[in-house]
C-alpha atoms as a PDB file:
ATOM      1  CA  MET A   1       0.137   0.021   0.113  1.00  0.00           C
ATOM      2  CA  ASN A   2       1.390   3.498  -1.130  1.00  0.00           C
ATOM      3  CA  THR A   3       0.305   6.049   1.091  1.00  0.00           C
ATOM      4  CA  THR A   4       1.203   9.857   1.160  1.00  0.00           C
ATOM      5  CA  THR A   5       1.121  11.767   4.168  1.00  0.00           C
ATOM      6  CA  HIS A   6       1.311  15.699   4.296  1.00  0.00           C
ATOM      7  CA  GLU A   7       2.846  16.922   7.389  1.00  0.00           C
ATOM      8  CA  ASN A   8       3.275  20.469   8.708  1.00  0.00           C
ATOM      9  CA  LYS A   9       6.480  20.497  10.741  1.00  0.00           C
ATOM     10  CA  PHE A  10       6.529  22.904  13.360  1.00  0.00           C
ATOM     11  CA  THR A  11      10.044  22.433  14.615  1.00  0.00           C
ATOM     12  CA  GLY A  12      13.089  24.587  13.706  1.00  0.00           C
ATOM     13  CA  PRO A  13      13.184  27.727  11.774  1.00  0.00           C
ATOM     14  CA  ALA A  14      10.384  28.894   9.130  1.00  0.00           C
ATOM     15  CA  THR A  15       9.379  31.887   7.638  1.00  0.00           C
ATOM     16  CA  TYR A  16       5.909  33.363   8.682  1.00  0.00           C
ATOM     17  CA  GLN A  17       3.814  36.227   7.586  1.00  0.00           C
ATOM     18  CA  ILE A  18       1.666  37.806  10.366  1.00  0.00           C
ATOM     19  CA  SER A  19      -0.996  40.314   9.682  1.00  0.00           C
ATOM     20  CA  VAL A  20      -2.353  42.793  12.171  1.00  0.00           C
ATOM     21  CA  GLN A  21      -4.888  45.429  12.209  1.00  0.00           C
ATOM     22  CA  GLY A  22      -3.385  48.968  12.793  1.00  0.00           C
ATOM     23  CA  ASN A  23       0.061  50.841  12.095  1.00  0.00           C
ATOM     24  CA  ILE A  24       2.827  48.991  13.624  1.00  0.00           C
ATOM     25  CA  VAL A  25       4.789  51.723  15.794  1.00  0.00           C
ATOM     26  CA  ASN A  26       8.717  52.171  15.132  1.00  0.00           C
ATOM     27  CA  ASN A  27       9.921  50.814  18.695  1.00  0.00           C
ATOM     28  CA  LEU A  28       7.789  47.708  18.153  1.00  0.00           C
ATOM     29  CA  ILE A  29       9.448  46.910  15.071  1.00  0.00           C
ATOM     30  CA  ASN A  30      12.945  46.924  16.627  1.00  0.00           C
ATOM     31  CA  ARG A  31      11.625  44.285  19.293  1.00  0.00           C
ATOM     32  CA  LEU A  32      10.267  41.792  16.468  1.00  0.00           C
ATOM     33  CA  GLY A  33      13.940  41.131  15.373  1.00  0.00           C
ATOM     34  CA  GLU A  34      14.557  40.907  11.535  1.00  0.00           C
ATOM     35  CA  MET A  35      10.884  40.935  10.344  1.00  0.00           C
ATOM     36  CA  GLU A  36      10.107  43.196   7.406  1.00  0.00           C
ATOM     37  CA  VAL A  37       6.852  45.496   7.839  1.00  0.00           C
ATOM     38  CA  SER A  38       4.885  46.540   5.030  1.00  0.00           C
ATOM     39  CA  LYS A  39       1.582  48.304   5.531  1.00  0.00           C
ATOM     40  CA  THR A  40      -1.662  48.595   3.448  1.00  0.00           C
ATOM     41  CA  GLY A  41      -5.075  50.685   3.516  1.00  0.00           C
ATOM     42  CA  LEU A  42      -5.781  53.958   4.681  1.00  0.00           C
ATOM     43  CA  ALA A  43      -5.100  55.882   7.903  1.00  0.00           C
ATOM     44  CA  ASN A  44      -7.499  54.303  10.284  1.00  0.00           C
ATOM     45  CA  LYS A  45      -7.743  51.038   8.182  1.00  0.00           C
ATOM     46  CA  THR A  46      -4.113  50.158   8.147  1.00  0.00           C
ATOM     47  CA  ILE A  47      -3.388  46.445   7.992  1.00  0.00           C
ATOM     48  CA  SER A  48       0.525  45.856   8.622  1.00  0.00           C
ATOM     49  CA  THR A  49       2.176  42.774   7.462  1.00  0.00           C
ATOM     50  CA  LEU A  50       5.097  40.941   9.178  1.00  0.00           C
ATOM     51  CA  THR A  51       7.011  38.721   6.939  1.00  0.00           C
ATOM     52  CA  GLY A  52      10.522  36.852   8.190  1.00  0.00           C
ATOM     53  CA  ASN A  53      12.134  34.087   9.466  1.00  0.00           C
ATOM     54  CA  VAL A  54      11.327  32.743  12.843  1.00  0.00           C
ATOM     55  CA  GLN A  55      13.673  30.414  14.743  1.00  0.00           C
ATOM     56  CA  ASP A  56      10.878  27.864  16.317  1.00  0.00           C
ATOM     57  CA  GLN A  57       7.460  27.944  17.870  1.00  0.00           C
ATOM     58  CA  SER A  58       8.895  29.696  21.105  1.00  0.00           C
ATOM     59  CA  ALA A  59      10.034  32.684  19.052  1.00  0.00           C
ATOM     60  CA  LEU A  60       6.786  32.623  16.962  1.00  0.00           C
ATOM     61  CA  SER A  61       4.856  32.759  20.426  1.00  0.00           C
ATOM     62  CA  GLY A  62       6.970  35.582  21.641  1.00  0.00           C
ATOM     63  CA  ILE A  63       6.070  37.531  18.671  1.00  0.00           C
ATOM     64  CA  LEU A  64       2.301  36.987  18.713  1.00  0.00           C
ATOM     65  CA  ASN A  65       2.539  37.518  22.611  1.00  0.00           C
ATOM     66  CA  THR A  66       4.343  41.125  22.180  1.00  0.00           C
ATOM     67  CA  LEU A  67       1.669  42.058  19.198  1.00  0.00           C
ATOM     68  CA  PHE A  68      -1.034  41.296  22.177  1.00  0.00           C
ATOM     69  CA  ASP A  69       0.932  43.362  24.684  1.00  0.00           C
ATOM     70  CA  TYR A  70       0.497  46.181  22.212  1.00  0.00           C
ATOM     71  CA  ARG A  71      -3.116  45.351  21.453  1.00  0.00           C
ATOM     72  CA  TYR A  72      -2.913  44.697  17.881  1.00  0.00           C
ATOM     73  CA  THR A  73      -5.428  42.519  16.371  1.00  0.00           C
ATOM     74  CA  VAL A  74      -4.035  39.578  14.701  1.00  0.00           C
ATOM     75  CA  ILE A  75      -5.943  38.997  11.277  1.00  0.00           C
ATOM     76  CA  SER A  76      -3.580  35.780  10.150  1.00  0.00           C
ATOM     77  CA  VAL A  77      -0.484  33.816  10.842  1.00  0.00           C
ATOM     78  CA  LEU A  78       0.757  32.123   7.524  1.00  0.00           C
ATOM     79  CA  LYS A  79       3.676  29.733   7.561  1.00  0.00           C
ATOM     80  CA  LEU A  80       5.394  30.335   4.137  1.00  0.00           C
ATOM     81  CA  ASN A  81       7.825  27.355   4.333  1.00  0.00           C
END
């Protein structure tokens, strides 16, 4: 029997794209490591998207907790590779 399984491996480094509602402030960008930030939308409807390499799930959790601490609404988290 030949079966193919598709696994998402969540250990080790990966590239993530995290979208949040709002304009990410400069001092927060420095705390998020090497994440690149792009912004779309109008002044009060801005979506900020962070893209970059994350070392592991613990680091991803740290980024998400930091965003939560700053009261950003997370719209999506996408694992790119």
